[in-house]
Amino acid sequence: MKSYNRSDRISQQIKRELSEIIQRNEIKDDRIGGLVSITDVEVSGDLRNVKVYFSVYGEEAQRVGTLAALESAAGFLRGEICRRLGIRFAPELTFALDDSLERGNRITELLEKIKRDEL
C-alpha cells in the first residue's frame, strides 16, 4: 500500500482549491480567458514553495493574459490557500504554463490527418 507524505496531500488540496477559485471567478481579472485548468501542483518539502502548472484552452493572447493575471493575484491566492487549508505559512506561488493539452490535440490532429490520407 502506498503511503502519501504531507507535501503530496497538500499539493492535491492546493490543486483542488485553486481550481475552485478559478471556476468560481473569485479572481476579478479580465485577462483570465479561455478554459483554464490546473494540471499539476508541485510543493517543496518544507511547504514554503509551490509551483502551479496550468493550461489554457484558447488563443495565445489568452494564455499570456491568464499567466499575467495569476501572477498578479498571487498574494490573494496565497492568503486564500492559507485560510482554506488551515496551514500556518502561506506558500510562495509560481505559475507555469503547461502546454501538454495543446500538444496532445496537435498530435491527435496529425494522426487523424494521416488516417484520412491512408484511406
N, C-alpha and C. Protein backbone atom coordinates (compact mmCIF):
# COMPACT_ATOMS: atom_id res chain seq x y z
N MET A 1 0.84 -1.17 0.00
CA MET A 1 0.00 0.00 0.00
C MET A 1 0.89 1.24 0.00
N LYS A 2 0.55 2.20 -0.85
CA LYS A 2 1.35 3.41 -0.97
C LYS A 2 0.96 4.40 0.12
N SER A 3 1.97 4.95 0.78
CA SER A 3 1.70 5.98 1.78
C SER A 3 2.02 7.34 1.17
N TYR A 4 1.23 8.32 1.51
CA TYR A 4 1.41 9.66 0.99
C TYR A 4 2.01 10.54 2.08
N ASN A 5 3.00 11.34 1.68
CA ASN A 5 3.55 12.25 2.67
C ASN A 5 2.75 13.54 2.66
N ARG A 6 3.07 14.41 3.57
CA ARG A 6 2.27 15.63 3.75
C ARG A 6 2.32 16.53 2.53
N SER A 7 3.46 16.65 1.89
CA SER A 7 3.54 17.54 0.73
C SER A 7 2.67 17.04 -0.42
N ASP A 8 2.52 15.72 -0.57
CA ASP A 8 1.62 15.18 -1.60
C ASP A 8 0.16 15.53 -1.29
N ARG A 9 -0.23 15.39 -0.03
CA ARG A 9 -1.60 15.73 0.35
C ARG A 9 -1.87 17.21 0.17
N ILE A 10 -0.92 18.03 0.59
CA ILE A 10 -1.08 19.49 0.46
C ILE A 10 -1.16 19.87 -1.01
N SER A 11 -0.34 19.24 -1.86
CA SER A 11 -0.36 19.58 -3.27
C SER A 11 -1.72 19.28 -3.89
N GLN A 12 -2.34 18.16 -3.54
CA GLN A 12 -3.66 17.83 -4.05
C GLN A 12 -4.72 18.81 -3.55
N GLN A 13 -4.61 19.21 -2.29
CA GLN A 13 -5.55 20.17 -1.74
C GLN A 13 -5.41 21.54 -2.41
N ILE A 14 -4.17 21.96 -2.64
CA ILE A 14 -3.94 23.25 -3.30
C ILE A 14 -4.49 23.21 -4.72
N LYS A 15 -4.27 22.12 -5.42
CA LYS A 15 -4.79 21.97 -6.78
C LYS A 15 -6.31 22.10 -6.79
N ARG A 16 -6.96 21.43 -5.85
CA ARG A 16 -8.43 21.48 -5.78
C ARG A 16 -8.92 22.89 -5.45
N GLU A 17 -8.28 23.55 -4.48
CA GLU A 17 -8.71 24.88 -4.08
C GLU A 17 -8.48 25.91 -5.18
N LEU A 18 -7.33 25.86 -5.84
CA LEU A 18 -7.06 26.80 -6.92
C LEU A 18 -8.04 26.60 -8.07
N SER A 19 -8.35 25.36 -8.38
CA SER A 19 -9.33 25.08 -9.43
C SER A 19 -10.68 25.67 -9.07
N GLU A 20 -11.07 25.51 -7.84
CA GLU A 20 -12.35 26.04 -7.38
C GLU A 20 -12.37 27.57 -7.44
N ILE A 21 -11.29 28.20 -7.02
CA ILE A 21 -11.20 29.66 -7.05
C ILE A 21 -11.33 30.17 -8.48
N ILE A 22 -10.67 29.51 -9.41
CA ILE A 22 -10.73 29.95 -10.81
C ILE A 22 -12.11 29.70 -11.40
N GLN A 23 -12.70 28.54 -11.12
CA GLN A 23 -14.02 28.21 -11.66
C GLN A 23 -15.09 29.17 -11.16
N ARG A 24 -14.98 29.59 -9.92
CA ARG A 24 -15.98 30.49 -9.34
C ARG A 24 -15.70 31.96 -9.65
N ASN A 25 -14.71 32.22 -10.48
CA ASN A 25 -14.34 33.58 -10.87
C ASN A 25 -14.06 34.48 -9.66
N GLU A 26 -13.40 33.93 -8.65
CA GLU A 26 -13.07 34.72 -7.47
C GLU A 26 -11.92 35.67 -7.74
N ILE A 27 -11.17 35.42 -8.81
CA ILE A 27 -10.12 36.35 -9.23
C ILE A 27 -10.79 37.31 -10.21
N LYS A 28 -10.93 38.55 -9.79
CA LYS A 28 -11.62 39.54 -10.61
C LYS A 28 -10.63 40.18 -11.57
N ASP A 29 -10.30 39.46 -12.63
CA ASP A 29 -9.35 39.96 -13.61
C ASP A 29 -9.83 39.55 -15.00
N ASP A 30 -10.00 40.53 -15.87
CA ASP A 30 -10.50 40.27 -17.22
C ASP A 30 -9.49 39.56 -18.11
N ARG A 31 -8.23 39.51 -17.69
CA ARG A 31 -7.22 38.86 -18.52
C ARG A 31 -7.34 37.35 -18.51
N ILE A 32 -8.05 36.79 -17.53
CA ILE A 32 -8.23 35.34 -17.49
C ILE A 32 -9.24 34.98 -18.57
N GLY A 33 -8.78 34.20 -19.54
CA GLY A 33 -9.64 33.86 -20.66
C GLY A 33 -9.49 32.43 -21.07
N GLY A 34 -10.43 31.95 -21.86
CA GLY A 34 -10.39 30.57 -22.31
C GLY A 34 -10.77 29.63 -21.18
N LEU A 35 -10.57 28.36 -21.44
CA LEU A 35 -10.85 27.34 -20.44
C LEU A 35 -9.57 27.08 -19.66
N VAL A 36 -9.54 27.46 -18.39
CA VAL A 36 -8.34 27.35 -17.55
C VAL A 36 -8.48 26.14 -16.64
N SER A 37 -7.43 25.33 -16.60
CA SER A 37 -7.43 24.21 -15.66
C SER A 37 -6.05 24.08 -15.03
N ILE A 38 -6.06 23.72 -13.76
CA ILE A 38 -4.82 23.47 -13.03
C ILE A 38 -4.45 22.02 -13.32
N THR A 39 -3.29 21.82 -13.96
CA THR A 39 -2.92 20.47 -14.36
C THR A 39 -2.04 19.77 -13.33
N ASP A 40 -1.22 20.53 -12.60
CA ASP A 40 -0.34 19.90 -11.61
C ASP A 40 0.12 20.95 -10.62
N VAL A 41 0.46 20.49 -9.43
CA VAL A 41 0.99 21.36 -8.38
C VAL A 41 2.15 20.62 -7.73
N GLU A 42 3.30 21.28 -7.68
CA GLU A 42 4.47 20.72 -7.01
C GLU A 42 4.75 21.54 -5.76
N VAL A 43 4.84 20.85 -4.63
CA VAL A 43 5.08 21.50 -3.36
C VAL A 43 6.45 21.08 -2.85
N SER A 44 7.23 22.05 -2.39
CA SER A 44 8.54 21.72 -1.84
C SER A 44 8.36 20.98 -0.51
N GLY A 45 9.41 20.31 -0.08
CA GLY A 45 9.35 19.52 1.14
C GLY A 45 9.01 20.32 2.38
N ASP A 46 9.44 21.60 2.42
CA ASP A 46 9.16 22.44 3.58
C ASP A 46 7.83 23.19 3.45
N LEU A 47 7.10 22.94 2.37
CA LEU A 47 5.78 23.52 2.09
C LEU A 47 5.81 25.03 1.92
N ARG A 48 6.98 25.59 1.65
CA ARG A 48 7.10 27.05 1.51
C ARG A 48 6.99 27.52 0.05
N ASN A 49 7.27 26.64 -0.89
CA ASN A 49 7.24 27.00 -2.31
C ASN A 49 6.34 26.04 -3.07
N VAL A 50 5.50 26.61 -3.93
CA VAL A 50 4.56 25.83 -4.71
C VAL A 50 4.67 26.28 -6.16
N LYS A 51 4.83 25.30 -7.05
CA LYS A 51 4.83 25.59 -8.48
C LYS A 51 3.53 25.04 -9.04
N VAL A 52 2.76 25.93 -9.66
CA VAL A 52 1.44 25.59 -10.18
C VAL A 52 1.51 25.56 -11.70
N TYR A 53 1.17 24.41 -12.27
CA TYR A 53 1.11 24.26 -13.72
C TYR A 53 -0.35 24.38 -14.13
N PHE A 54 -0.60 25.21 -15.12
CA PHE A 54 -1.96 25.39 -15.58
C PHE A 54 -2.00 25.37 -17.10
N SER A 55 -3.17 25.07 -17.61
CA SER A 55 -3.36 25.01 -19.05
C SER A 55 -4.53 25.90 -19.42
N VAL A 56 -4.42 26.56 -20.56
CA VAL A 56 -5.49 27.41 -21.06
C VAL A 56 -5.84 26.92 -22.45
N TYR A 57 -7.08 26.52 -22.63
CA TYR A 57 -7.54 26.11 -23.94
C TYR A 57 -8.12 27.35 -24.61
N GLY A 58 -7.31 27.92 -25.48
CA GLY A 58 -7.71 29.14 -26.15
C GLY A 58 -6.56 29.67 -26.96
N GLU A 59 -6.62 30.94 -27.28
CA GLU A 59 -5.60 31.57 -28.09
C GLU A 59 -4.37 31.95 -27.26
N GLU A 60 -3.29 32.25 -27.95
CA GLU A 60 -2.03 32.61 -27.28
C GLU A 60 -2.21 33.85 -26.40
N ALA A 61 -2.97 34.82 -26.85
CA ALA A 61 -3.20 36.03 -26.06
C ALA A 61 -3.90 35.69 -24.74
N GLN A 62 -4.80 34.72 -24.77
CA GLN A 62 -5.48 34.30 -23.55
C GLN A 62 -4.52 33.61 -22.59
N ARG A 63 -3.58 32.84 -23.14
CA ARG A 63 -2.59 32.16 -22.29
C ARG A 63 -1.71 33.18 -21.58
N VAL A 64 -1.22 34.14 -22.34
CA VAL A 64 -0.34 35.17 -21.77
C VAL A 64 -1.10 36.01 -20.75
N GLY A 65 -2.33 36.37 -21.08
CA GLY A 65 -3.15 37.16 -20.16
C GLY A 65 -3.45 36.42 -18.88
N THR A 66 -3.75 35.14 -19.00
CA THR A 66 -4.05 34.34 -17.81
C THR A 66 -2.83 34.21 -16.92
N LEU A 67 -1.65 34.00 -17.52
CA LEU A 67 -0.43 33.93 -16.72
C LEU A 67 -0.21 35.24 -15.97
N ALA A 68 -0.36 36.36 -16.64
CA ALA A 68 -0.18 37.66 -16.00
C ALA A 68 -1.20 37.87 -14.88
N ALA A 69 -2.45 37.47 -15.12
CA ALA A 69 -3.49 37.62 -14.11
C ALA A 69 -3.21 36.77 -12.88
N LEU A 70 -2.78 35.53 -13.09
CA LEU A 70 -2.48 34.65 -11.96
C LEU A 70 -1.28 35.17 -11.16
N GLU A 71 -0.27 35.67 -11.87
CA GLU A 71 0.89 36.21 -11.17
C GLU A 71 0.53 37.44 -10.35
N SER A 72 -0.35 38.28 -10.90
CA SER A 72 -0.74 39.48 -10.15
C SER A 72 -1.67 39.14 -8.99
N ALA A 73 -2.38 38.03 -9.07
CA ALA A 73 -3.29 37.62 -8.00
C ALA A 73 -2.62 36.67 -7.01
N ALA A 74 -1.32 36.48 -7.12
CA ALA A 74 -0.62 35.51 -6.27
C ALA A 74 -0.80 35.81 -4.78
N GLY A 75 -0.78 37.06 -4.40
CA GLY A 75 -0.96 37.42 -2.99
C GLY A 75 -2.33 37.01 -2.48
N PHE A 76 -3.35 37.30 -3.25
CA PHE A 76 -4.71 36.89 -2.89
C PHE A 76 -4.81 35.38 -2.80
N LEU A 77 -4.23 34.68 -3.78
CA LEU A 77 -4.29 33.21 -3.81
C LEU A 77 -3.54 32.61 -2.62
N ARG A 78 -2.40 33.19 -2.27
CA ARG A 78 -1.64 32.71 -1.10
C ARG A 78 -2.50 32.78 0.16
N GLY A 79 -3.15 33.92 0.34
CA GLY A 79 -4.00 34.10 1.51
C GLY A 79 -5.17 33.13 1.54
N GLU A 80 -5.79 32.94 0.39
CA GLU A 80 -6.93 32.02 0.30
C GLU A 80 -6.50 30.58 0.59
N ILE A 81 -5.37 30.18 0.05
CA ILE A 81 -4.89 28.81 0.30
C ILE A 81 -4.59 28.62 1.77
N CYS A 82 -3.93 29.58 2.36
CA CYS A 82 -3.60 29.51 3.79
C CYS A 82 -4.88 29.41 4.64
N ARG A 83 -5.85 30.24 4.32
CA ARG A 83 -7.10 30.26 5.08
C ARG A 83 -7.89 28.97 4.88
N ARG A 84 -8.01 28.52 3.63
CA ARG A 84 -8.84 27.34 3.34
C ARG A 84 -8.22 26.04 3.84
N LEU A 85 -6.89 25.94 3.79
CA LEU A 85 -6.24 24.70 4.22
C LEU A 85 -5.86 24.72 5.69
N GLY A 86 -5.90 25.88 6.30
CA GLY A 86 -5.55 25.98 7.71
C GLY A 86 -4.08 25.73 7.97
N ILE A 87 -3.24 26.12 7.03
CA ILE A 87 -1.80 25.96 7.23
C ILE A 87 -1.22 27.25 7.81
N ARG A 88 -0.12 27.10 8.49
CA ARG A 88 0.46 28.22 9.22
C ARG A 88 1.12 29.24 8.32
N PHE A 89 1.83 28.77 7.31
CA PHE A 89 2.57 29.67 6.43
C PHE A 89 1.96 29.64 5.03
N ALA A 90 1.80 30.82 4.46
CA ALA A 90 1.29 30.91 3.09
C ALA A 90 2.45 30.62 2.14
N PRO A 91 2.34 29.60 1.31
CA PRO A 91 3.44 29.25 0.41
C PRO A 91 3.61 30.28 -0.71
N GLU A 92 4.84 30.42 -1.17
CA GLU A 92 5.14 31.28 -2.31
C GLU A 92 4.70 30.55 -3.57
N LEU A 93 3.88 31.22 -4.38
CA LEU A 93 3.33 30.59 -5.58
C LEU A 93 4.07 31.07 -6.82
N THR A 94 4.43 30.12 -7.68
CA THR A 94 4.94 30.45 -9.00
C THR A 94 4.08 29.69 -10.00
N PHE A 95 3.86 30.32 -11.14
CA PHE A 95 2.96 29.74 -12.14
C PHE A 95 3.72 29.43 -13.41
N ALA A 96 3.37 28.31 -14.03
CA ALA A 96 3.99 27.90 -15.28
C ALA A 96 2.90 27.38 -16.21
N LEU A 97 2.97 27.82 -17.44
CA LEU A 97 2.01 27.38 -18.44
C LEU A 97 2.34 25.96 -18.89
N ASP A 98 1.37 25.10 -18.83
CA ASP A 98 1.53 23.70 -19.25
C ASP A 98 0.84 23.55 -20.59
N ASP A 99 1.62 23.31 -21.62
CA ASP A 99 1.04 23.21 -22.96
C ASP A 99 0.85 21.77 -23.42
N SER A 100 0.83 20.84 -22.50
CA SER A 100 0.70 19.43 -22.88
C SER A 100 -0.66 19.13 -23.52
N LEU A 101 -1.72 19.82 -23.11
CA LEU A 101 -3.03 19.58 -23.73
C LEU A 101 -3.03 20.04 -25.18
N GLU A 102 -2.42 21.18 -25.45
CA GLU A 102 -2.34 21.66 -26.83
C GLU A 102 -1.49 20.73 -27.68
N ARG A 103 -0.38 20.25 -27.13
CA ARG A 103 0.47 19.30 -27.86
C ARG A 103 -0.30 18.02 -28.14
N GLY A 104 -1.06 17.55 -27.16
CA GLY A 104 -1.87 16.34 -27.35
C GLY A 104 -2.91 16.52 -28.44
N ASN A 105 -3.56 17.69 -28.45
CA ASN A 105 -4.54 17.97 -29.51
C ASN A 105 -3.87 18.01 -30.87
N ARG A 106 -2.70 18.60 -30.95
CA ARG A 106 -1.96 18.69 -32.21
C ARG A 106 -1.58 17.29 -32.71
N ILE A 107 -1.12 16.42 -31.81
CA ILE A 107 -0.76 15.05 -32.19
C ILE A 107 -2.00 14.30 -32.68
N THR A 108 -3.12 14.49 -31.99
CA THR A 108 -4.36 13.84 -32.41
C THR A 108 -4.77 14.31 -33.80
N GLU A 109 -4.65 15.61 -34.05
CA GLU A 109 -4.99 16.14 -35.37
C GLU A 109 -4.08 15.54 -36.45
N LEU A 110 -2.79 15.43 -36.16
CA LEU A 110 -1.86 14.85 -37.13
C LEU A 110 -2.17 13.39 -37.40
N LEU A 111 -2.50 12.64 -36.35
CA LEU A 111 -2.86 11.24 -36.52
C LEU A 111 -4.14 11.09 -37.35
N GLU A 112 -5.11 11.95 -37.12
CA GLU A 112 -6.34 11.92 -37.91
C GLU A 112 -6.05 12.25 -39.37
N LYS A 113 -5.16 13.20 -39.60
CA LYS A 113 -4.81 13.56 -40.97
C LYS A 113 -4.13 12.38 -41.67
N ILE A 114 -3.21 11.72 -40.99
CA ILE A 114 -2.53 10.55 -41.57
C ILE A 114 -3.55 9.45 -41.86
N LYS A 115 -4.49 9.25 -40.94
CA LYS A 115 -5.51 8.23 -41.12
C LYS A 115 -6.37 8.53 -42.34
N ARG A 116 -6.76 9.80 -42.53
CA ARG A 116 -7.59 10.18 -43.68
C ARG A 116 -6.80 10.01 -44.99
N ASP A 117 -5.51 10.34 -44.98
CA ASP A 117 -4.70 10.23 -46.17
C ASP A 117 -4.47 8.78 -46.59
N GLU A 118 -4.46 7.87 -45.63
CA GLU A 118 -4.23 6.46 -45.95
C GLU A 118 -5.49 5.80 -46.50
N LEU A 119 -6.64 6.35 -46.18
CA LEU A 119 -7.91 5.74 -46.64
C LEU A 119 -8.22 6.22 -48.00
